[in-house]
Amino acid sequence: METTRHYTATTYVVESGAVALHEHDGLGKWLPPGGHVDRDELPHEAARREVREETGLDVDLVAPRDDIGSATVESLPQPQHLQLADVNVHDGFVGHQHVDFVYYARAPNRAVEPAAGEQPAAAWEWFTAADLAADRFDPDVAAIGKQAIATVEE
């Protein structure tokens, strides 16, 4: 059988030495904001849109760009990580995967005000690097969260 792959964008949002995560109501895991890249979007646009929808924050991506281009080529903000995530696995078969563009961003404040239909503000918490050492976080979320804090706070 064929594995279906979707492109997604995830953003680790940092403010004053902490990263914003929510306990995803469907997955039961602590995750940063993120979601599918729409057909008319570029990955970095989807990253900012998902943050705005899920948290209400208008963030600045911390994403390098190449200085190579031409009249027909533009350098895009580069993700900090590019990951492949298995989304549904049944009897050892992976039926769905996400190719995830992972960005870091700087938030102007911690005032989380999600859009209608998103998880409520109370679902979001800000975690320091020390907080991320707890075993309630998936190892990849904790490691990337710590890296995001260090990178954004430089």
N, C-alpha and C. Protein backbone atom coordinates (compact mmCIF):
# COMPACT_ATOMS: atom_id res chain seq x y z
N MET A 1 0.83 -1.19 0.00
CA MET A 1 0.00 0.00 0.00
C MET A 1 0.87 1.25 0.00
N GLU A 2 0.31 2.30 -0.48
CA GLU A 2 1.00 3.58 -0.56
C GLU A 2 0.85 4.38 0.73
N THR A 3 1.93 5.02 1.14
CA THR A 3 1.88 5.88 2.32
C THR A 3 1.50 7.30 1.89
N THR A 4 0.50 7.86 2.51
CA THR A 4 0.09 9.23 2.24
C THR A 4 0.96 10.18 3.06
N ARG A 5 1.45 11.23 2.41
CA ARG A 5 2.27 12.22 3.11
C ARG A 5 1.66 13.60 2.95
N HIS A 6 1.62 14.35 4.04
CA HIS A 6 1.15 15.73 4.05
C HIS A 6 2.28 16.61 4.54
N TYR A 7 2.31 17.85 4.05
CA TYR A 7 3.28 18.83 4.53
C TYR A 7 2.67 19.62 5.67
N THR A 8 3.44 19.76 6.76
CA THR A 8 2.98 20.49 7.93
C THR A 8 4.05 21.48 8.36
N ALA A 9 3.63 22.45 9.17
CA ALA A 9 4.56 23.43 9.72
C ALA A 9 4.29 23.55 11.22
N THR A 10 5.35 23.50 11.99
CA THR A 10 5.29 23.58 13.44
C THR A 10 6.19 24.72 13.89
N THR A 11 5.77 25.45 14.92
CA THR A 11 6.58 26.56 15.40
C THR A 11 6.73 26.52 16.91
N TYR A 12 7.98 26.54 17.36
CA TYR A 12 8.28 26.64 18.78
C TYR A 12 8.37 28.13 19.10
N VAL A 13 7.37 28.64 19.79
CA VAL A 13 7.23 30.06 20.10
C VAL A 13 7.88 30.33 21.45
N VAL A 14 8.82 31.29 21.46
CA VAL A 14 9.60 31.60 22.66
C VAL A 14 9.36 33.04 23.08
N GLU A 15 9.23 33.23 24.40
CA GLU A 15 9.14 34.57 24.98
C GLU A 15 9.76 34.53 26.36
N SER A 16 10.72 35.41 26.62
CA SER A 16 11.39 35.53 27.92
C SER A 16 11.86 34.19 28.49
N GLY A 17 12.54 33.40 27.66
CA GLY A 17 13.14 32.17 28.15
C GLY A 17 12.21 30.99 28.33
N ALA A 18 11.03 31.05 27.72
CA ALA A 18 10.10 29.93 27.83
C ALA A 18 9.43 29.70 26.48
N VAL A 19 8.98 28.47 26.29
CA VAL A 19 8.33 28.07 25.04
C VAL A 19 6.87 27.71 25.33
N ALA A 20 5.99 28.05 24.38
CA ALA A 20 4.55 27.79 24.54
C ALA A 20 4.20 26.40 24.00
N LEU A 21 3.55 25.60 24.86
CA LEU A 21 3.07 24.27 24.46
C LEU A 21 1.65 24.09 24.99
N HIS A 22 0.90 23.23 24.31
CA HIS A 22 -0.43 22.88 24.81
C HIS A 22 -0.58 21.37 24.79
N GLU A 23 -1.39 20.87 25.70
CA GLU A 23 -1.66 19.43 25.70
C GLU A 23 -2.74 19.19 24.66
N HIS A 24 -2.34 18.60 23.55
CA HIS A 24 -3.24 18.38 22.41
C HIS A 24 -4.40 17.51 22.83
N ASP A 25 -5.60 18.01 22.63
CA ASP A 25 -6.78 17.27 23.13
C ASP A 25 -7.00 15.94 22.44
N GLY A 26 -6.57 15.80 21.20
CA GLY A 26 -6.77 14.54 20.48
C GLY A 26 -5.65 13.53 20.68
N LEU A 27 -4.44 14.04 20.88
CA LEU A 27 -3.27 13.16 20.98
C LEU A 27 -2.80 12.93 22.41
N GLY A 28 -3.20 13.81 23.33
CA GLY A 28 -2.76 13.67 24.72
C GLY A 28 -1.28 13.92 24.90
N LYS A 29 -0.69 14.71 24.01
CA LYS A 29 0.74 15.04 24.09
C LYS A 29 0.88 16.55 24.16
N TRP A 30 1.97 17.01 24.79
CA TRP A 30 2.30 18.42 24.80
C TRP A 30 2.98 18.76 23.48
N LEU A 31 2.41 19.74 22.77
CA LEU A 31 2.92 20.11 21.45
C LEU A 31 2.92 21.62 21.26
N PRO A 32 3.78 22.12 20.36
CA PRO A 32 3.73 23.53 19.99
C PRO A 32 2.64 23.74 18.93
N PRO A 33 2.37 24.98 18.57
CA PRO A 33 1.38 25.21 17.51
C PRO A 33 1.88 24.67 16.17
N GLY A 34 0.95 24.19 15.37
CA GLY A 34 1.31 23.68 14.05
C GLY A 34 0.14 23.07 13.35
N GLY A 35 0.32 22.80 12.08
CA GLY A 35 -0.74 22.19 11.29
C GLY A 35 -0.34 22.07 9.83
N HIS A 36 -1.29 21.69 9.02
CA HIS A 36 -1.05 21.45 7.60
C HIS A 36 -0.75 22.73 6.83
N VAL A 37 0.13 22.61 5.85
CA VAL A 37 0.41 23.69 4.91
C VAL A 37 -0.70 23.65 3.86
N ASP A 38 -1.41 24.76 3.71
CA ASP A 38 -2.48 24.83 2.71
C ASP A 38 -1.89 24.87 1.31
N ARG A 39 -2.70 24.51 0.33
CA ARG A 39 -2.23 24.44 -1.06
C ARG A 39 -1.64 25.75 -1.57
N ASP A 40 -2.15 26.87 -1.11
CA ASP A 40 -1.68 28.17 -1.60
C ASP A 40 -0.63 28.81 -0.70
N GLU A 41 -0.08 28.05 0.25
CA GLU A 41 0.87 28.61 1.22
C GLU A 41 2.27 28.04 1.04
N LEU A 42 3.21 28.83 1.49
CA LEU A 42 4.57 28.35 1.66
C LEU A 42 4.71 27.90 3.11
N PRO A 43 5.66 27.02 3.41
CA PRO A 43 5.76 26.50 4.78
C PRO A 43 5.90 27.57 5.86
N HIS A 44 6.71 28.60 5.64
CA HIS A 44 6.89 29.63 6.66
C HIS A 44 5.61 30.45 6.85
N GLU A 45 4.80 30.60 5.81
CA GLU A 45 3.52 31.29 5.94
C GLU A 45 2.56 30.46 6.78
N ALA A 46 2.55 29.16 6.55
CA ALA A 46 1.70 28.26 7.33
C ALA A 46 2.12 28.27 8.80
N ALA A 47 3.43 28.32 9.04
CA ALA A 47 3.93 28.34 10.42
C ALA A 47 3.38 29.55 11.17
N ARG A 48 3.46 30.72 10.58
CA ARG A 48 2.97 31.94 11.23
C ARG A 48 1.44 31.92 11.35
N ARG A 49 0.74 31.42 10.34
CA ARG A 49 -0.72 31.35 10.38
C ARG A 49 -1.18 30.44 11.51
N GLU A 50 -0.57 29.26 11.61
CA GLU A 50 -0.97 28.32 12.66
C GLU A 50 -0.74 28.91 14.05
N VAL A 51 0.37 29.62 14.24
CA VAL A 51 0.61 30.27 15.53
C VAL A 51 -0.48 31.29 15.81
N ARG A 52 -0.81 32.10 14.81
CA ARG A 52 -1.83 33.14 14.98
C ARG A 52 -3.19 32.52 15.31
N GLU A 53 -3.56 31.45 14.60
CA GLU A 53 -4.86 30.80 14.86
C GLU A 53 -4.91 30.16 16.24
N GLU A 54 -3.86 29.44 16.59
CA GLU A 54 -3.87 28.66 17.83
C GLU A 54 -3.58 29.47 19.08
N THR A 55 -2.82 30.57 18.94
CA THR A 55 -2.44 31.34 20.12
C THR A 55 -2.85 32.81 20.06
N GLY A 56 -3.15 33.30 18.87
CA GLY A 56 -3.45 34.72 18.71
C GLY A 56 -2.21 35.59 18.65
N LEU A 57 -1.03 35.01 18.74
CA LEU A 57 0.21 35.76 18.73
C LEU A 57 0.71 35.98 17.31
N ASP A 58 1.20 37.19 17.04
CA ASP A 58 1.81 37.52 15.76
C ASP A 58 3.32 37.48 15.99
N VAL A 59 3.97 36.42 15.54
CA VAL A 59 5.37 36.16 15.88
C VAL A 59 6.32 36.51 14.75
N ASP A 60 7.58 36.66 15.13
CA ASP A 60 8.67 36.84 14.17
C ASP A 60 9.44 35.53 14.10
N LEU A 61 9.52 34.94 12.92
CA LEU A 61 10.28 33.71 12.77
C LEU A 61 11.77 34.00 12.90
N VAL A 62 12.46 33.08 13.55
CA VAL A 62 13.92 33.11 13.64
C VAL A 62 14.37 32.05 12.65
N ALA A 63 14.52 32.49 11.40
CA ALA A 63 14.76 31.55 10.30
C ALA A 63 15.75 32.17 9.31
N PRO A 64 16.89 31.54 9.14
CA PRO A 64 17.87 32.08 8.19
C PRO A 64 17.38 31.98 6.75
N ARG A 65 17.95 32.83 5.91
CA ARG A 65 17.71 32.80 4.46
C ARG A 65 19.07 32.76 3.77
N ASP A 66 19.12 32.06 2.65
CA ASP A 66 20.31 32.11 1.82
C ASP A 66 20.37 33.46 1.12
N ASP A 67 21.56 33.87 0.73
CA ASP A 67 21.66 35.11 -0.03
C ASP A 67 21.79 34.82 -1.53
N ILE A 68 21.34 33.65 -1.92
CA ILE A 68 21.40 33.25 -3.33
C ILE A 68 20.02 33.42 -3.94
N GLY A 69 19.96 34.04 -5.09
CA GLY A 69 18.69 34.23 -5.77
C GLY A 69 18.93 34.79 -7.15
N SER A 70 17.84 35.05 -7.83
CA SER A 70 17.91 35.64 -9.17
C SER A 70 16.57 36.29 -9.44
N ALA A 71 16.36 36.72 -10.66
CA ALA A 71 15.09 37.35 -11.03
C ALA A 71 13.93 36.39 -10.87
N THR A 72 14.19 35.09 -10.90
CA THR A 72 13.10 34.11 -10.82
C THR A 72 13.21 33.19 -9.60
N VAL A 73 14.19 33.41 -8.74
CA VAL A 73 14.41 32.55 -7.57
C VAL A 73 14.52 33.41 -6.32
N GLU A 74 13.73 33.06 -5.31
CA GLU A 74 13.75 33.77 -4.03
C GLU A 74 14.12 32.79 -2.92
N SER A 75 14.99 33.22 -2.04
CA SER A 75 15.34 32.42 -0.88
C SER A 75 14.21 32.51 0.14
N LEU A 76 13.81 31.38 0.68
CA LEU A 76 12.74 31.34 1.68
C LEU A 76 13.32 31.18 3.08
N PRO A 77 12.60 31.64 4.11
CA PRO A 77 13.03 31.39 5.48
C PRO A 77 13.16 29.88 5.70
N GLN A 78 14.29 29.46 6.21
CA GLN A 78 14.56 28.05 6.36
C GLN A 78 14.11 27.54 7.72
N PRO A 79 13.51 26.35 7.73
CA PRO A 79 13.15 25.76 9.02
C PRO A 79 14.41 25.38 9.79
N GLN A 80 14.28 25.30 11.10
CA GLN A 80 15.39 24.86 11.94
C GLN A 80 15.55 23.34 11.88
N HIS A 81 14.45 22.64 11.62
CA HIS A 81 14.44 21.18 11.53
C HIS A 81 13.47 20.77 10.44
N LEU A 82 13.71 19.63 9.84
CA LEU A 82 12.80 19.03 8.88
C LEU A 82 12.62 17.58 9.33
N GLN A 83 11.37 17.22 9.69
CA GLN A 83 11.13 15.91 10.30
C GLN A 83 10.07 15.13 9.54
N LEU A 84 10.14 13.82 9.68
CA LEU A 84 9.12 12.93 9.14
C LEU A 84 8.44 12.24 10.31
N ALA A 85 7.14 12.45 10.46
CA ALA A 85 6.40 11.89 11.60
C ALA A 85 5.35 10.90 11.14
N ASP A 86 5.35 9.71 11.74
CA ASP A 86 4.30 8.73 11.48
C ASP A 86 3.06 9.16 12.24
N VAL A 87 1.94 9.29 11.53
CA VAL A 87 0.72 9.77 12.16
C VAL A 87 -0.22 8.63 12.51
N ASN A 88 -0.42 7.71 11.60
CA ASN A 88 -1.25 6.56 11.97
C ASN A 88 -0.57 5.27 11.51
N VAL A 89 -0.33 4.42 12.49
CA VAL A 89 0.33 3.14 12.26
C VAL A 89 -0.63 2.05 12.72
N HIS A 90 -0.92 1.12 11.83
CA HIS A 90 -1.83 0.02 12.15
C HIS A 90 -1.19 -1.29 11.69
N ASP A 91 -1.05 -2.23 12.62
CA ASP A 91 -0.46 -3.54 12.33
C ASP A 91 0.90 -3.41 11.64
N GLY A 92 1.70 -2.43 12.09
CA GLY A 92 3.04 -2.24 11.53
C GLY A 92 3.08 -1.47 10.23
N PHE A 93 1.95 -1.10 9.69
CA PHE A 93 1.89 -0.36 8.43
C PHE A 93 1.65 1.12 8.72
N VAL A 94 2.48 1.99 8.14
CA VAL A 94 2.32 3.42 8.28
C VAL A 94 1.44 3.92 7.14
N GLY A 95 0.27 4.42 7.48
CA GLY A 95 -0.67 4.86 6.45
C GLY A 95 -0.62 6.35 6.16
N HIS A 96 -0.01 7.12 7.08
CA HIS A 96 -0.06 8.58 6.95
C HIS A 96 1.17 9.15 7.65
N GLN A 97 1.85 10.06 6.97
CA GLN A 97 3.01 10.70 7.55
C GLN A 97 2.92 12.21 7.33
N HIS A 98 3.58 12.94 8.21
CA HIS A 98 3.73 14.38 8.06
C HIS A 98 5.18 14.71 7.79
N VAL A 99 5.44 15.46 6.73
CA VAL A 99 6.75 16.04 6.47
C VAL A 99 6.66 17.41 7.12
N ASP A 100 7.33 17.58 8.25
CA ASP A 100 7.13 18.74 9.12
C ASP A 100 8.29 19.72 9.04
N PHE A 101 7.97 20.96 8.63
CA PHE A 101 8.91 22.07 8.63
C PHE A 101 8.83 22.70 10.02
N VAL A 102 9.91 22.61 10.80
CA VAL A 102 9.89 23.08 12.19
C VAL A 102 10.66 24.40 12.30
N TYR A 103 9.94 25.42 12.76
CA TYR A 103 10.50 26.77 12.90
C TYR A 103 10.58 27.17 14.36
N TYR A 104 11.42 28.18 14.63
CA TYR A 104 11.47 28.86 15.92
C TYR A 104 10.94 30.26 15.69
N ALA A 105 10.31 30.84 16.73
CA ALA A 105 9.79 32.19 16.60
C ALA A 105 9.89 32.94 17.93
N ARG A 106 9.92 34.26 17.81
CA ARG A 106 9.94 35.15 18.97
C ARG A 106 8.56 35.77 19.10
N ALA A 107 7.98 35.65 20.29
CA ALA A 107 6.65 36.23 20.56
C ALA A 107 6.81 37.59 21.22
N PRO A 108 5.89 38.52 20.97
CA PRO A 108 5.97 39.84 21.60
C PRO A 108 5.54 39.83 23.07
N ASN A 109 4.77 38.82 23.47
CA ASN A 109 4.26 38.71 24.84
C ASN A 109 3.70 37.30 25.03
N ARG A 110 3.10 37.04 26.19
CA ARG A 110 2.54 35.71 26.47
C ARG A 110 1.01 35.72 26.51
N ALA A 111 0.39 36.71 25.94
CA ALA A 111 -1.07 36.83 25.95
C ALA A 111 -1.68 35.91 24.89
N VAL A 112 -2.01 34.70 25.29
CA VAL A 112 -2.57 33.71 24.37
C VAL A 112 -4.08 33.93 24.25
N GLU A 113 -4.52 34.18 23.01
CA GLU A 113 -5.94 34.39 22.71
C GLU A 113 -6.28 33.63 21.43
N PRO A 114 -6.57 32.34 21.55
CA PRO A 114 -6.83 31.50 20.37
C PRO A 114 -8.06 31.96 19.59
N ALA A 115 -8.05 31.65 18.30
CA ALA A 115 -9.20 31.92 17.44
C ALA A 115 -10.35 30.98 17.82
N ALA A 116 -11.55 31.33 17.39
CA ALA A 116 -12.71 30.48 17.64
C ALA A 116 -12.46 29.08 17.06
N GLY A 117 -12.84 28.07 17.82
CA GLY A 117 -12.68 26.69 17.37
C GLY A 117 -11.35 26.06 17.74
N GLU A 118 -10.44 26.85 18.28
CA GLU A 118 -9.14 26.31 18.71
C GLU A 118 -9.22 25.96 20.19
N GLN A 119 -8.21 25.23 20.69
CA GLN A 119 -8.18 24.92 22.11
C GLN A 119 -8.11 26.22 22.91
N PRO A 120 -8.73 26.27 24.08
CA PRO A 120 -8.79 27.52 24.85
C PRO A 120 -7.42 27.95 25.38
N ALA A 121 -7.33 29.22 25.75
CA ALA A 121 -6.08 29.77 26.28
C ALA A 121 -5.58 28.98 27.48
N ALA A 122 -6.50 28.46 28.28
CA ALA A 122 -6.11 27.70 29.48
C ALA A 122 -5.35 26.42 29.14
N ALA A 123 -5.44 25.94 27.90
CA ALA A 123 -4.73 24.73 27.48
C ALA A 123 -3.24 24.98 27.24
N TRP A 124 -2.87 26.26 27.13
CA TRP A 124 -1.48 26.64 26.83
C TRP A 124 -0.71 26.96 28.10
N GLU A 125 0.56 26.53 28.11
CA GLU A 125 1.46 26.85 29.22
C GLU A 125 2.82 27.23 28.63
N TRP A 126 3.57 28.02 29.39
CA TRP A 126 4.92 28.43 29.00
C TRP A 126 5.91 27.64 29.85
N PHE A 127 6.88 26.99 29.19
CA PHE A 127 7.83 26.12 29.87
C PHE A 127 9.26 26.59 29.63
N THR A 128 10.05 26.66 30.69
CA THR A 128 11.47 26.98 30.59
C THR A 128 12.23 25.71 30.18
N ALA A 129 13.52 25.89 29.88
CA ALA A 129 14.36 24.73 29.55
C ALA A 129 14.39 23.75 30.71
N ALA A 130 14.44 24.24 31.94
CA ALA A 130 14.44 23.36 33.11
C ALA A 130 13.12 22.58 33.20
N ASP A 131 12.00 23.24 32.91
CA ASP A 131 10.70 22.57 32.94
C ASP A 131 10.66 21.42 31.92
N LEU A 132 11.31 21.62 30.78
CA LEU A 132 11.26 20.62 29.71
C LEU A 132 12.03 19.35 30.05
N ALA A 133 12.76 19.35 31.16
CA ALA A 133 13.47 18.15 31.60
C ALA A 133 12.52 17.10 32.17
N ALA A 134 11.28 17.49 32.45
CA ALA A 134 10.30 16.55 33.01
C ALA A 134 9.96 15.48 31.99
N ASP A 135 9.61 14.29 32.48
CA ASP A 135 9.34 13.18 31.56
C ASP A 135 7.91 13.19 31.00
N ARG A 136 7.17 14.26 31.21
CA ARG A 136 5.82 14.33 30.63
C ARG A 136 5.84 14.79 29.17
N PHE A 137 7.04 15.15 28.67
CA PHE A 137 7.18 15.62 27.30
C PHE A 137 7.84 14.54 26.44
N ASP A 138 7.41 14.41 25.18
CA ASP A 138 8.11 13.53 24.26
C ASP A 138 9.55 14.04 24.12
N PRO A 139 10.52 13.15 23.96
CA PRO A 139 11.93 13.57 23.89
C PRO A 139 12.20 14.60 22.79
N ASP A 140 11.56 14.44 21.63
CA ASP A 140 11.82 15.40 20.55
C ASP A 140 11.28 16.78 20.89
N VAL A 141 10.11 16.86 21.52
CA VAL A 141 9.51 18.14 21.90
C VAL A 141 10.39 18.83 22.93
N ALA A 142 10.87 18.09 23.92
CA ALA A 142 11.74 18.67 24.95
C ALA A 142 13.05 19.16 24.34
N ALA A 143 13.68 18.34 23.51
CA ALA A 143 14.97 18.72 22.93
C ALA A 143 14.84 19.94 22.01
N ILE A 144 13.83 19.94 21.17
CA ILE A 144 13.65 21.07 20.26
C ILE A 144 13.22 22.31 21.03
N GLY A 145 12.38 22.15 22.05
CA GLY A 145 11.98 23.28 22.87
C GLY A 145 13.18 23.95 23.52
N LYS A 146 14.10 23.16 24.05
CA LYS A 146 15.32 23.70 24.67
C LYS A 146 16.17 24.43 23.63
N GLN A 147 16.32 23.83 22.46
CA GLN A 147 17.11 24.46 21.39
C GLN A 147 16.46 25.76 20.94
N ALA A 148 15.14 25.77 20.84
CA ALA A 148 14.43 26.98 20.43
C ALA A 148 14.67 28.11 21.42
N ILE A 149 14.55 27.80 22.71
CA ILE A 149 14.80 28.81 23.74
C ILE A 149 16.20 29.37 23.62
N ALA A 150 17.19 28.50 23.51
CA ALA A 150 18.59 28.93 23.42
C ALA A 150 18.82 29.78 22.18
N THR A 151 18.25 29.37 21.06
CA THR A 151 18.47 30.09 19.80
C THR A 151 17.79 31.45 19.81
N VAL A 152 16.55 31.49 20.23
CA VAL A 152 15.79 32.75 20.21
C VAL A 152 16.34 33.74 21.24
N GLU A 153 16.81 33.24 22.38
CA GLU A 153 17.29 34.11 23.44
C GLU A 153 18.72 34.60 23.22
N GLU A 154 19.40 34.10 22.19
CA GLU A 154 20.79 34.54 21.90
C GLU A 154 20.82 36.02 21.63
